[in-house]
Each structure stands twice: as structure tokens, then as C-alpha cells.
C-alpha atoms as a PDB file:
ATOM      1  CA  UNK A   1       0.000   0.000   0.000  1.00  0.00           C
ATOM      2  CA  UNK A   2       1.203   3.501  -0.820  1.00  0.00           C
ATOM      3  CA  UNK A   3      -0.109   6.604   0.936  1.00  0.00           C
ATOM      4  CA  UNK A   4      -3.187   6.961   3.121  1.00  0.00           C
ATOM      5  CA  UNK A   5      -5.043   9.951   4.495  1.00  0.00           C
ATOM      6  CA  UNK A   6      -4.966   9.886   8.309  1.00  0.00           C
ATOM      7  CA  UNK A   7      -7.663  11.906  10.112  1.00  0.00           C
ATOM      8  CA  UNK A   8      -8.019  12.466  13.861  1.00  0.00           C
ATOM      9  CA  UNK A   9     -11.507  13.578  14.944  1.00  0.00           C
ATOM     10  CA  UNK A  10     -11.256  14.902  18.488  1.00  0.00           C
ATOM     11  CA  UNK A  11     -13.544  16.782  20.798  1.00  0.00           C
ATOM     12  CA  UNK A  12     -11.697  20.047  20.178  1.00  0.00           C
ATOM     13  CA  UNK A  13     -10.004  19.738  16.786  1.00  0.00           C
ATOM     14  CA  UNK A  14     -10.029  17.704  13.588  1.00  0.00           C
ATOM     15  CA  UNK A  15      -6.555  17.083  12.166  1.00  0.00           C
ATOM     16  CA  UNK A  16      -5.334  15.291   9.094  1.00  0.00           C
ATOM     17  CA  UNK A  17      -2.185  14.448   7.178  1.00  0.00           C
ATOM     18  CA  UNK A  18      -0.957  12.130   4.475  1.00  0.00           C
ATOM     19  CA  UNK A  19       0.938   9.100   5.775  1.00  0.00           C
ATOM     20  CA  UNK A  20       2.463   5.775   4.811  1.00  0.00           C
ATOM     21  CA  UNK A  21       4.061   2.817   6.570  1.00  0.00           C
ATOM     22  CA  UNK A  22       7.129   4.918   7.410  1.00  0.00           C
ATOM     23  CA  UNK A  23       5.186   7.665   9.201  1.00  0.00           C
ATOM     24  CA  UNK A  24       3.481  11.014   8.656  1.00  0.00           C
ATOM     25  CA  UNK A  25       4.240  13.036   5.524  1.00  0.00           C
ATOM     26  CA  UNK A  26       4.359  16.771   6.203  1.00  0.00           C
ATOM     27  CA  UNK A  27       2.556  18.923   8.733  1.00  0.00           C
ATOM     28  CA  UNK A  28      -1.075  18.193   9.667  1.00  0.00           C
ATOM     29  CA  UNK A  29      -3.907  20.570   8.852  1.00  0.00           C
ATOM     30  CA  UNK A  30      -6.254  21.495  11.703  1.00  0.00           C
ATOM     31  CA  UNK A  31      -9.893  22.584  11.944  1.00  0.00           C
ATOM     32  CA  UNK A  32     -11.876  23.382  15.073  1.00  0.00           C
ATOM     33  CA  UNK A  33     -14.337  20.518  15.536  1.00  0.00           C
ATOM     34  CA  UNK A  34     -17.426  22.653  16.146  1.00  0.00           C
ATOM     35  CA  UNK A  35     -16.876  24.532  12.859  1.00  0.00           C
ATOM     36  CA  UNK A  36     -17.264  21.369  10.758  1.00  0.00           C
ATOM     37  CA  UNK A  37     -20.953  20.531  10.667  1.00  0.00           C
ATOM     38  CA  UNK A  38     -20.944  17.211   8.811  1.00  0.00           C
ATOM     39  CA  UNK A  39     -18.844  14.665   6.985  1.00  0.00           C
ATOM     40  CA  UNK A  40     -19.794  16.370   3.720  1.00  0.00           C
ATOM     41  CA  UNK A  41     -18.548  19.691   5.110  1.00  0.00           C
ATOM     42  CA  UNK A  42     -15.226  18.056   5.937  1.00  0.00           C
ATOM     43  CA  UNK A  43     -15.029  16.638   2.411  1.00  0.00           C
ATOM     44  CA  UNK A  44     -15.574  20.121   0.961  1.00  0.00           C
ATOM     45  CA  UNK A  45     -12.609  21.440   2.926  1.00  0.00           C
ATOM     46  CA  UNK A  46     -10.110  18.743   2.005  1.00  0.00           C
ATOM     47  CA  UNK A  47     -11.213  17.134  -1.280  1.00  0.00           C
ATOM     48  CA  UNK A  48      -8.867  19.219  -3.432  1.00  0.00           C
ATOM     49  CA  UNK A  49      -5.790  18.438  -1.307  1.00  0.00           C
ATOM     50  CA  UNK A  50      -5.349  14.766  -2.166  1.00  0.00           C
ATOM     51  CA  UNK A  51      -5.411  12.888  -5.460  1.00  0.00           C
ATOM     52  CA  UNK A  52      -3.095   9.942  -4.840  1.00  0.00           C
ATOM     53  CA  UNK A  53      -4.201   8.152  -1.683  1.00  0.00           C
ATOM     54  CA  UNK A  54      -5.056   4.451  -1.459  1.00  0.00           C
ATOM     55  CA  UNK A  55      -7.198   4.500   1.689  1.00  0.00           C
ATOM     56  CA  UNK A  56      -8.455   6.698   4.518  1.00  0.00           C
ATOM     57  CA  UNK A  57      -8.026   5.968   8.208  1.00  0.00           C
ATOM     58  CA  UNK A  58      -9.994   7.830  10.879  1.00  0.00           C
ATOM     59  CA  UNK A  59      -9.354   7.868  14.624  1.00  0.00           C
ATOM     60  CA  UNK A  60     -12.428   9.298  16.360  1.00  0.00           C
ATOM     61  CA  UNK A  61     -13.141  10.215  19.969  1.00  0.00           C
ATOM     62  CA  UNK A  62     -16.426   8.322  19.804  1.00  0.00           C
ATOM     63  CA  UNK A  63     -18.158   4.987  20.008  1.00  0.00           C
ATOM     64  CA  UNK A  64     -17.487   3.554  16.550  1.00  0.00           C
ATOM     65  CA  UNK A  65     -19.462   1.129  14.416  1.00  0.00           C
ATOM     66  CA  UNK A  66     -16.593  -0.395  12.448  1.00  0.00           C
ATOM     67  CA  UNK A  67     -18.944  -1.956   9.881  1.00  0.00           C
ATOM     68  CA  UNK A  68     -21.035   1.105   8.980  1.00  0.00           C
ATOM     69  CA  UNK A  69     -18.412   3.811   9.738  1.00  0.00           C
ATOM     70  CA  UNK A  70     -20.864   5.626  12.020  1.00  0.00           C
ATOM     71  CA  UNK A  71     -19.925   7.532  15.171  1.00  0.00           C
ATOM     72  CA  UNK A  72     -21.940   7.784  18.397  1.00  0.00           C
ATOM     73  CA  UNK A  73     -21.382   9.894  21.518  1.00  0.00           C
ATOM     74  CA  UNK A  74     -18.812  12.027  19.744  1.00  0.00           C
ATOM     75  CA  UNK A  75     -18.097  15.460  21.162  1.00  0.00           C
ATOM     76  CA  UNK A  76     -19.758  18.192  19.053  1.00  0.00           C
ATOM     77  CA  UNK A  77     -21.111  15.723  16.475  1.00  0.00           C
ATOM     78  CA  UNK A  78     -24.186  13.525  16.679  1.00  0.00           C
ATOM     79  CA  UNK A  79     -24.492  10.278  14.733  1.00  0.00           C
ATOM     80  CA  UNK A  80     -22.025  11.050  11.988  1.00  0.00           C
ATOM     81  CA  UNK A  81     -21.782   8.665   9.041  1.00  0.00           C
ATOM     82  CA  UNK A  82     -18.295   9.037   7.564  1.00  0.00           C
ATOM     83  CA  UNK A  83     -19.086   7.177   4.330  1.00  0.00           C
ATOM     84  CA  UNK A  84     -18.947  10.449   2.296  1.00  0.00           C
ATOM     85  CA  UNK A  85     -15.190  10.498   2.916  1.00  0.00           C
ATOM     86  CA  UNK A  86     -14.766   7.164   1.169  1.00  0.00           C
ATOM     87  CA  UNK A  87     -17.201   8.098  -1.596  1.00  0.00           C
ATOM     88  CA  UNK A  88     -15.475  11.401  -2.324  1.00  0.00           C
ATOM     89  CA  UNK A  89     -12.020   9.892  -2.727  1.00  0.00           C
ATOM     90  CA  UNK A  90     -13.196   6.519  -4.107  1.00  0.00           C
ATOM     91  CA  UNK A  91     -11.010   4.634  -1.627  1.00  0.00           C
ATOM     92  CA  UNK A  92     -11.717   2.268   1.287  1.00  0.00           C
ATOM     93  CA  UNK A  93     -12.266   3.741   4.741  1.00  0.00           C
ATOM     94  CA  UNK A  94     -11.249   2.360   8.153  1.00  0.00           C
ATOM     95  CA  UNK A  95     -12.758   4.020  11.231  1.00  0.00           C
ATOM     96  CA  UNK A  96     -11.570   3.231  14.753  1.00  0.00           C
ATOM     97  CA  UNK A  97     -12.093   4.673  18.195  1.00  0.00           C
ATOM     98  CA  UNK A  98      -9.141   6.999  18.809  1.00  0.00           C
ATOM     99  CA  UNK A  99      -7.713   4.945  21.675  1.00  0.00           C
ATOM    100  CA  UNK A 100      -7.977   1.699  19.689  1.00  0.00           C
ATOM    101  CA  UNK A 101      -6.329   3.368  16.704  1.00  0.00           C
ATOM    102  CA  UNK A 102      -3.575   4.756  18.910  1.00  0.00           C
ATOM    103  CA  UNK A 103      -2.785   1.272  20.203  1.00  0.00           C
ATOM    104  CA  UNK A 104      -2.432   0.115  16.593  1.00  0.00           C
ATOM    105  CA  UNK A 105      -0.202   3.112  15.902  1.00  0.00           C
ATOM    106  CA  UNK A 106       2.085   2.250  18.807  1.00  0.00           C
ATOM    107  CA  UNK A 107       2.454  -1.270  17.452  1.00  0.00           C
ATOM    108  CA  UNK A 108       2.943  -0.368  13.776  1.00  0.00           C
ATOM    109  CA  UNK A 109       5.375   2.489  14.292  1.00  0.00           C
ATOM    110  CA  UNK A 110       7.609   0.774  16.804  1.00  0.00           C
ATOM    111  CA  UNK A 111       6.837   2.228  20.231  1.00  0.00           C
ATOM    112  CA  UNK A 112       5.918  -1.213  21.624  1.00  0.00           C
ATOM    113  CA  UNK A 113       6.823  -4.809  20.844  1.00  0.00           C
ATOM    114  CA  UNK A 114       4.781  -6.656  18.173  1.00  0.00           C
ATOM    115  CA  UNK A 115       3.516  -9.136  20.799  1.00  0.00           C
ATOM    116  CA  UNK A 116       2.840  -6.558  23.526  1.00  0.00           C
ATOM    117  CA  UNK A 117       0.291  -6.920  26.311  1.00  0.00           C
ATOM    118  CA  UNK A 118      -0.455  -3.243  26.608  1.00  0.00           C
ATOM    119  CA  UNK A 119      -3.100  -0.673  27.374  1.00  0.00           C
ATOM    120  CA  UNK A 120      -2.868   2.691  25.663  1.00  0.00           C
ATOM    121  CA  UNK A 121      -4.613   5.180  27.946  1.00  0.00           C
ATOM    122  CA  UNK A 122      -5.668   8.629  26.815  1.00  0.00           C
ATOM    123  CA  UNK A 123      -6.330  11.252  29.487  1.00  0.00           C
ATOM    124  CA  UNK A 124      -7.753  14.208  27.617  1.00  0.00           C
ATOM    125  CA  UNK A 125     -11.138  15.869  27.088  1.00  0.00           C
ATOM    126  CA  UNK A 126     -12.395  12.341  27.707  1.00  0.00           C
ATOM    127  CA  UNK A 127     -10.784   9.092  28.851  1.00  0.00           C
ATOM    128  CA  UNK A 128     -10.286   5.997  26.727  1.00  0.00           C
ATOM    129  CA  UNK A 129      -8.073   2.958  26.316  1.00  0.00           C
ATOM    130  CA  UNK A 130      -6.916   0.759  23.467  1.00  0.00           C
ATOM    131  CA  UNK A 131      -5.952  -2.778  24.454  1.00  0.00           C
ATOM    132  CA  UNK A 132      -3.334  -4.986  22.784  1.00  0.00           C
ATOM    133  CA  UNK A 133      -3.255  -8.634  23.859  1.00  0.00           C
ATOM    134  CA  UNK A 134      -0.284 -10.528  22.416  1.00  0.00           C
ATOM    135  CA  UNK A 135      -0.061  -7.690  19.921  1.00  0.00           C
ATOM    136  CA  UNK A 136      -3.660  -8.040  18.720  1.00  0.00           C
ATOM    137  CA  UNK A 137      -6.204  -5.276  19.219  1.00  0.00           C
ATOM    138  CA  UNK A 138      -9.207  -6.018  21.428  1.00  0.00           C
ATOM    139  CA  UNK A 139     -11.546  -3.432  19.872  1.00  0.00           C
ATOM    140  CA  UNK A 140     -14.318  -1.533  21.555  1.00  0.00           C
ATOM    141  CA  UNK A 141     -13.106  -1.292  25.156  1.00  0.00           C
ATOM    142  CA  UNK A 142     -14.750   1.793  26.691  1.00  0.00           C
ATOM    143  CA  UNK A 143     -12.385   2.223  29.628  1.00  0.00           C
ATOM    144  CA  UNK A 144     -13.603   5.733  30.339  1.00  0.00           C
ATOM    145  CA  UNK A 145     -16.923   4.257  31.445  1.00  0.00           C
ATOM    146  CA  UNK A 146     -15.695   1.690  33.956  1.00  0.00           C
ATOM    147  CA  UNK A 147     -17.313   2.476  37.299  1.00  0.00           C
ATOM    148  CA  UNK A 148     -15.134   4.050  39.968  1.00  0.00           C
ATOM    149  CA  UNK A 149     -17.917   4.470  42.523  1.00  0.00           C
ATOM    150  CA  UNK A 150     -21.189   2.756  43.350  1.00  0.00           C
ATOM    151  CA  UNK A 151     -23.830   5.251  44.451  1.00  0.00           C
ATOM    152  CA  UNK A 152     -24.742   6.872  41.131  1.00  0.00           C
ATOM    153  CA  UNK A 153     -24.116  10.430  42.287  1.00  0.00           C
ATOM    154  CA  UNK A 154     -22.249  11.198  39.067  1.00  0.00           C
ATOM    155  CA  UNK A 155     -23.877  10.414  35.725  1.00  0.00           C
ATOM    156  CA  UNK A 156     -22.258  10.882  32.330  1.00  0.00           C
ATOM    157  CA  UNK A 157     -23.701   9.766  28.982  1.00  0.00           C
ATOM    158  CA  UNK A 158     -26.260   7.643  30.828  1.00  0.00           C
ATOM    159  CA  UNK A 159     -23.683   5.743  32.904  1.00  0.00           C
ATOM    160  CA  UNK A 160     -23.434   5.909  36.690  1.00  0.00           C
ATOM    161  CA  UNK A 161     -20.096   6.945  38.201  1.00  0.00           C
ATOM    162  CA  UNK A 162     -17.828   6.460  35.161  1.00  0.00           C
ATOM    163  CA  UNK A 163     -14.096   7.151  35.383  1.00  0.00           C
ATOM    164  CA  UNK A 164     -14.440   9.814  32.675  1.00  0.00           C
ATOM    165  CA  UNK A 165     -17.102  11.618  34.698  1.00  0.00           C
ATOM    166  CA  UNK A 166     -14.665  12.045  37.566  1.00  0.00           C
ATOM    167  CA  UNK A 167     -11.259  12.505  35.965  1.00  0.00           C
ATOM    168  CA  UNK A 168     -11.470  13.724  32.358  1.00  0.00           C
ATOM    169  CA  UNK A 169     -10.201  17.156  31.439  1.00  0.00           C
ATOM    170  CA  UNK A 170     -13.714  18.345  30.647  1.00  0.00           C
ATOM    171  CA  UNK A 171     -15.491  16.983  33.742  1.00  0.00           C
ATOM    172  CA  UNK A 172     -12.968  16.954  36.591  1.00  0.00           C
ATOM    173  CA  UNK A 173     -13.477  20.738  37.053  1.00  0.00           C
ATOM    174  CA  UNK A 174     -17.118  19.927  37.919  1.00  0.00           C
ATOM    175  CA  UNK A 175     -15.919  17.654  40.713  1.00  0.00           C
ATOM    176  CA  UNK A 176     -13.642  20.425  42.014  1.00  0.00           C
ATOM    177  CA  UNK A 177     -16.606  22.784  42.070  1.00  0.00           C
ATOM    178  CA  UNK A 178     -18.647  20.257  44.073  1.00  0.00           C
ATOM    179  CA  UNK A 179     -15.854  19.638  46.577  1.00  0.00           C
ATOM    180  CA  UNK A 180     -15.374  23.371  47.081  1.00  0.00           C
ATOM    181  CA  UNK A 181     -19.010  23.705  48.161  1.00  0.00           C
ATOM    182  CA  UNK A 182     -18.061  21.979  51.434  1.00  0.00           C
ATOM    183  CA  UNK A 183     -14.532  23.403  51.679  1.00  0.00           C
ATOM    184  CA  UNK A 184     -13.579  25.460  54.733  1.00  0.00           C
ATOM    185  CA  UNK A 185      -9.834  25.763  54.118  1.00  0.00           C
ATOM    186  CA  UNK A 186      -8.269  28.794  52.440  1.00  0.00           C
ATOM    187  CA  UNK A 187      -7.591  28.268  48.765  1.00  0.00           C
ATOM    188  CA  UNK A 188      -7.060  30.196  45.567  1.00  0.00           C
ATOM    189  CA  UNK A 189      -9.539  27.893  43.830  1.00  0.00           C
ATOM    190  CA  UNK A 190     -12.882  29.513  43.033  1.00  0.00           C
ATOM    191  CA  UNK A 191     -14.695  26.660  41.307  1.00  0.00           C
ATOM    192  CA  UNK A 192     -14.561  28.420  37.953  1.00  0.00           C
ATOM    193  CA  UNK A 193     -11.212  26.955  36.892  1.00  0.00           C
ATOM    194  CA  UNK A 194     -10.809  24.753  33.852  1.00  0.00           C
ATOM    195  CA  UNK A 195      -8.382  21.831  34.005  1.00  0.00           C
ATOM    196  CA  UNK A 196      -5.423  23.970  32.943  1.00  0.00           C
ATOM    197  CA  UNK A 197      -6.017  26.524  35.718  1.00  0.00           C
ATOM    198  CA  UNK A 198      -6.515  23.759  38.277  1.00  0.00           C
ATOM    199  CA  UNK A 199      -3.134  22.208  37.494  1.00  0.00           C
ATOM    200  CA  UNK A 200      -1.530  25.649  37.684  1.00  0.00           C
ATOM    201  CA  UNK A 201      -2.910  25.955  41.233  1.00  0.00           C
ATOM    202  CA  UNK A 202      -1.474  22.528  42.041  1.00  0.00           C
ATOM    203  CA  UNK A 203       1.963  23.529  40.788  1.00  0.00           C
ATOM    204  CA  UNK A 204       1.816  26.832  42.672  1.00  0.00           C
ATOM    205  CA  UNK A 205       1.495  24.943  45.970  1.00  0.00           C
ATOM    206  CA  UNK A 206      -2.147  25.577  46.893  1.00  0.00           C
ATOM    207  CA  UNK A 207      -2.859  23.057  49.671  1.00  0.00           C
ATOM    208  CA  UNK A 208      -6.499  22.433  48.755  1.00  0.00           C
ATOM    209  CA  UNK A 209      -5.651  22.052  45.064  1.00  0.00           C
ATOM    210  CA  UNK A 210      -3.030  19.472  45.998  1.00  0.00           C
ATOM    211  CA  UNK A 211      -5.556  17.631  48.158  1.00  0.00           C
ATOM    212  CA  UNK A 212      -7.970  17.437  45.219  1.00  0.00           C
ATOM    213  CA  UNK A 213      -5.081  16.466  42.939  1.00  0.00           C
ATOM    214  CA  UNK A 214      -4.316  13.574  45.293  1.00  0.00           C
ATOM    215  CA  UNK A 215      -7.951  12.491  44.983  1.00  0.00           C
ATOM    216  CA  UNK A 216      -7.581  12.621  41.201  1.00  0.00           C
ATOM    217  CA  UNK A 217      -4.517  10.370  41.410  1.00  0.00           C
ATOM    218  CA  UNK A 218      -6.531   7.829  43.405  1.00  0.00           C
ATOM    219  CA  UNK A 219      -9.407   7.926  40.916  1.00  0.00           C
ATOM    220  CA  UNK A 220      -6.980   7.298  38.056  1.00  0.00           C
ATOM    221  CA  UNK A 221      -5.300   4.519  40.036  1.00  0.00           C
ATOM    222  CA  UNK A 222      -8.695   2.821  40.389  1.00  0.00           C
ATOM    223  CA  UNK A 223      -9.252   3.062  36.637  1.00  0.00           C
ATOM    224  CA  UNK A 224      -5.752   1.864  35.756  1.00  0.00           C
ATOM    225  CA  UNK A 225      -6.046  -1.016  38.214  1.00  0.00           C
ATOM    226  CA  UNK A 226      -9.363  -2.051  36.676  1.00  0.00           C
ATOM    227  CA  UNK A 227      -8.111  -2.256  33.089  1.00  0.00           C
ATOM    228  CA  UNK A 228      -4.872  -3.913  34.249  1.00  0.00           C
ATOM    229  CA  UNK A 229      -6.763  -6.633  36.109  1.00  0.00           C
ATOM    230  CA  UNK A 230      -9.318  -7.157  33.329  1.00  0.00           C
ATOM    231  CA  UNK A 231      -6.820  -7.471  30.482  1.00  0.00           C
ATOM    232  CA  UNK A 232      -3.655  -8.575  32.320  1.00  0.00           C
ATOM    233  CA  UNK A 233      -1.591  -5.801  30.764  1.00  0.00           C
ATOM    234  CA  UNK A 234       1.957  -5.295  31.970  1.00  0.00           C
ATOM    235  CA  UNK A 235       2.483  -1.868  30.407  1.00  0.00           C
ATOM    236  CA  UNK A 236       0.364   1.257  30.134  1.00  0.00           C
ATOM    237  CA  UNK A 237       1.332   3.889  27.585  1.00  0.00           C
ATOM    238  CA  UNK A 238      -0.352   7.218  28.242  1.00  0.00           C
ATOM    239  CA  UNK A 239      -1.200  10.134  25.970  1.00  0.00           C
ATOM    240  CA  UNK A 240      -3.804  12.867  25.684  1.00  0.00           C
ATOM    241  CA  UNK A 241      -3.513  16.531  26.558  1.00  0.00           C
ATOM    242  CA  UNK A 242      -4.136  16.202  30.303  1.00  0.00           C
ATOM    243  CA  UNK A 243      -1.332  13.665  30.719  1.00  0.00           C
ATOM    244  CA  UNK A 244       1.092  15.222  28.241  1.00  0.00           C
ATOM    245  CA  UNK A 245       0.777  18.646  29.883  1.00  0.00           C
ATOM    246  CA  UNK A 246       0.942  17.235  33.423  1.00  0.00           C
ATOM    247  CA  UNK A 247       3.303  14.242  33.311  1.00  0.00           C
ATOM    248  CA  UNK A 248       3.523  13.953  37.109  1.00  0.00           C
ATOM    249  CA  UNK A 249      -0.103  12.818  37.032  1.00  0.00           C
ATOM    250  CA  UNK A 250       0.933   9.350  35.849  1.00  0.00           C
ATOM    251  CA  UNK A 251       4.028   9.124  38.083  1.00  0.00           C
ATOM    252  CA  UNK A 252       3.129   6.926  41.045  1.00  0.00           C
ATOM    253  CA  UNK A 253       6.701   6.780  42.355  1.00  0.00           C
ATOM    254  CA  UNK A 254       7.990  10.338  42.644  1.00  0.00           C
ATOM    255  CA  UNK A 255       5.110  12.774  42.245  1.00  0.00           C
ATOM    256  CA  UNK A 256       6.072  16.048  44.002  1.00  0.00           C
ATOM    257  CA  UNK A 257       2.505  17.374  44.121  1.00  0.00           C
ATOM    258  CA  UNK A 258       0.497  14.806  46.101  1.00  0.00           C
ATOM    259  CA  UNK A 259      -0.111  15.494  49.786  1.00  0.00           C
ATOM    260  CA  UNK A 260       0.619  11.835  50.471  1.00  0.00           C
ATOM    261  CA  UNK A 261       1.829   8.986  48.272  1.00  0.00           C
ATOM    262  CA  UNK A 262      -0.761   7.137  46.205  1.00  0.00           C
ATOM    263  CA  UNK A 263       0.113   3.439  46.070  1.00  0.00           C
ATOM    264  CA  UNK A 264      -0.847   2.068  42.650  1.00  0.00           C
ATOM    265  CA  UNK A 265      -0.114  -1.453  43.920  1.00  0.00           C
ATOM    266  CA  UNK A 266      -3.131  -1.137  46.216  1.00  0.00           C
ATOM    267  CA  UNK A 267      -5.418  -0.909  43.163  1.00  0.00           C
ATOM    268  CA  UNK A 268      -3.974  -3.845  41.186  1.00  0.00           C
ATOM    269  CA  UNK A 269      -4.618  -7.532  41.849  1.00  0.00           C
ATOM    270  CA  UNK A 270      -2.356  -8.609  38.997  1.00  0.00           C
ATOM    271  CA  UNK A 271       1.139  -7.216  38.579  1.00  0.00           C
ATOM    272  CA  UNK A 272       1.342  -3.428  38.781  1.00  0.00           C
ATOM    273  CA  UNK A 273       1.979  -2.164  35.247  1.00  0.00           C
ATOM    274  CA  UNK A 274       4.857  -0.047  34.031  1.00  0.00           C
ATOM    275  CA  UNK A 275       3.403   3.371  33.158  1.00  0.00           C
ATOM    276  CA  UNK A 276       4.987   5.905  30.815  1.00  0.00           C
ATOM    277  CA  UNK A 277       4.064   8.640  28.372  1.00  0.00           C
ATOM    278  CA  UNK A 278       3.989   7.763  24.704  1.00  0.00           C
ATOM    279  CA  UNK A 279       6.849   9.146  22.643  1.00  0.00           C
ATOM    280  CA  UNK A 280       4.528  10.267  19.826  1.00  0.00           C
ATOM    281  CA  UNK A 281       2.999  13.192  21.721  1.00  0.00           C
ATOM    282  CA  UNK A 282       0.004  14.957  20.198  1.00  0.00           C
ATOM    283  CA  UNK A 283       0.355  13.168  16.841  1.00  0.00           C
ATOM    284  CA  UNK A 284      -0.313   9.655  18.131  1.00  0.00           C
ATOM    285  CA  UNK A 285      -3.941   9.613  16.967  1.00  0.00           C
ATOM    286  CA  UNK A 286      -2.761  10.477  13.439  1.00  0.00           C
ATOM    287  CA  UNK A 287      -0.275   7.612  13.514  1.00  0.00           C
ATOM    288  CA  UNK A 288      -3.125   5.471  14.782  1.00  0.00           C
ATOM    289  CA  UNK A 289      -5.470   6.523  11.982  1.00  0.00           C
ATOM    290  CA  UNK A 290      -2.782   5.673   9.436  1.00  0.00           C
ATOM    291  CA  UNK A 291      -2.161   2.322  11.114  1.00  0.00           C
ATOM    292  CA  UNK A 292      -5.892   1.526  11.097  1.00  0.00           C
ATOM    293  CA  UNK A 293      -6.065   1.970   7.317  1.00  0.00           C
ATOM    294  CA  UNK A 294      -2.810   0.158   6.571  1.00  0.00           C
ATOM    295  CA  UNK A 295      -3.601  -2.693   8.973  1.00  0.00           C
ATOM    296  CA  UNK A 296      -7.026  -3.287   7.431  1.00  0.00           C
ATOM    297  CA  UNK A 297      -6.299  -2.776   3.740  1.00  0.00           C
ATOM    298  CA  UNK A 298      -2.641  -3.741   3.250  1.00  0.00           C
ATOM    299  CA  UNK A 299      -2.602  -6.485   0.562  1.00  0.00           C
END
């Protein structure tokens, strides 16, 4: 297979670039997600850029129907059918959940062993995981919706107490706001902070912010322990804007910001996994989209 068009559909931006089995070719283009109203609108913006591609791969922050190329529960889009992409370019189309695609990208482009037992975890606007078992993708795992509590106080997308509802970049600020309602200690937090401002307060030394940050570490430990025990993974590669901008968040050995150590071992029945950031940074989903197309359509 020659070149493919790799597209990353995220909650904030849509990015794309030409790619092949050796990697990305050139710099990606970027659109703001909420300015692209439909698959046809996306086609109109990019159809004149490519004339020599053999397939299209899409990594989408959504629940994906791999047979019909439809997206559900995608930020800013509702029920998108991506078939117009394939029709416009007259090439086959592979659509994967962004975390699943990213796991394929890690395997194809050499960041993990071909026979890896691995979870790729994205901590970003949402939370997701792509699972490799003996190097093979287990598609469709919705790790962001594993339950991290039991009483149903938090609901997100119709699910009680999901990990994403507590710890994602878009929803953790809501939990901070709730905790502040009962807070009597002095703090610079007002309850109006987004995730970026919250982490700035943590780094500045605010005691309450660091207490809430420690809670966040425990929530993530519960989620990581759950996927580790379910899939017997020995490594967790982490990406997504929240993790990439705050790498201490995934450090369970030497985090300088927690008020007290958070023991990841206490959340894992099987062996505690090795956790590290992916080396691909913000482009991993594009590598994953390329890998999805090449993996499915390579002769």
C-alpha cells in the first residue's frame, strides 16, 4: 500500500495528514471541531488536497461502528456517518475509536513490541483505552466508562459513576466545584477553573488544590487497576492533553505534588503495570489513523 489519508476527529479539533508505513508526511492541517458541521462539510474542505491516496483511516473520539463507519457519543457531532469520505475519494475507509487506533499506531510504528500486552490510555477531554493482547487489538473497550464508585451520584452519557465523569479534562473541574461547596480551608480555587487553571494551582502549591489532585490520582489509580486486572496488561502507555501537559499525574513513584503517596499497587490484583508517556505526543492519533487503514487494507 502507498499513501493513506490519516484523520483524527477529536472533541476540540479535527486534524489530518498524508501518511504511509514509514510515518506522517508533512505537517497536519487542523480545523476546530465545532466549525465542521458534517462529513460532507469536511469533504468540501479537504477534497482538493489529495489525489493519490489508497485509503483513509480515521481515529475518532467516539463509540465507533466499524462496519457502517458511524460515530456515536462524539463530542460536538451527533451520529455522523463518515461514508462520504470514502465516496469522495473513491477509496476504502477504516474508522476506529481513537484509543484503539492509537494502540495500533504504537504497534505499527515501533513504540511497543509486536507481541505486547499493553493498554494505551488517553487522558484528555475524555478518557479511553486501546488494548493490545499478544499484539492483537481487542476493539471496543470503553475504559472511560468503567465504574469508579457505586452510588450513582455522578452520571455521564447515561452511565453511573464512570471514570471519565470524575477525571477527564472536561469533567474533573465539575468535581472540584462540588468539593469546594463543602470546603472550609483557604484556597485560591474559586470553582470556575478549567483543568489547565486547576493544574496551575497545584503547581503553585495551593494546599487544597493538591488535596484534590491527590484524589484525582486515586481515581486514576482505580481506573488503571481495573483495566490492568481485566486485560492482564503489563504496560500502560499514556497520551492525551491532560497527561502530556501534566506528566507527574501518571508518576506513582515520585510525584512532588500529592499530599501523600498514592500506592498504585493497592489498586492492582495482577502485577502493577509499568506506566509511561507515549513518545509520539500529540500526533499519536494520526499515527493510529494511518495504522488503522494500513492494517485493514494492506494487501
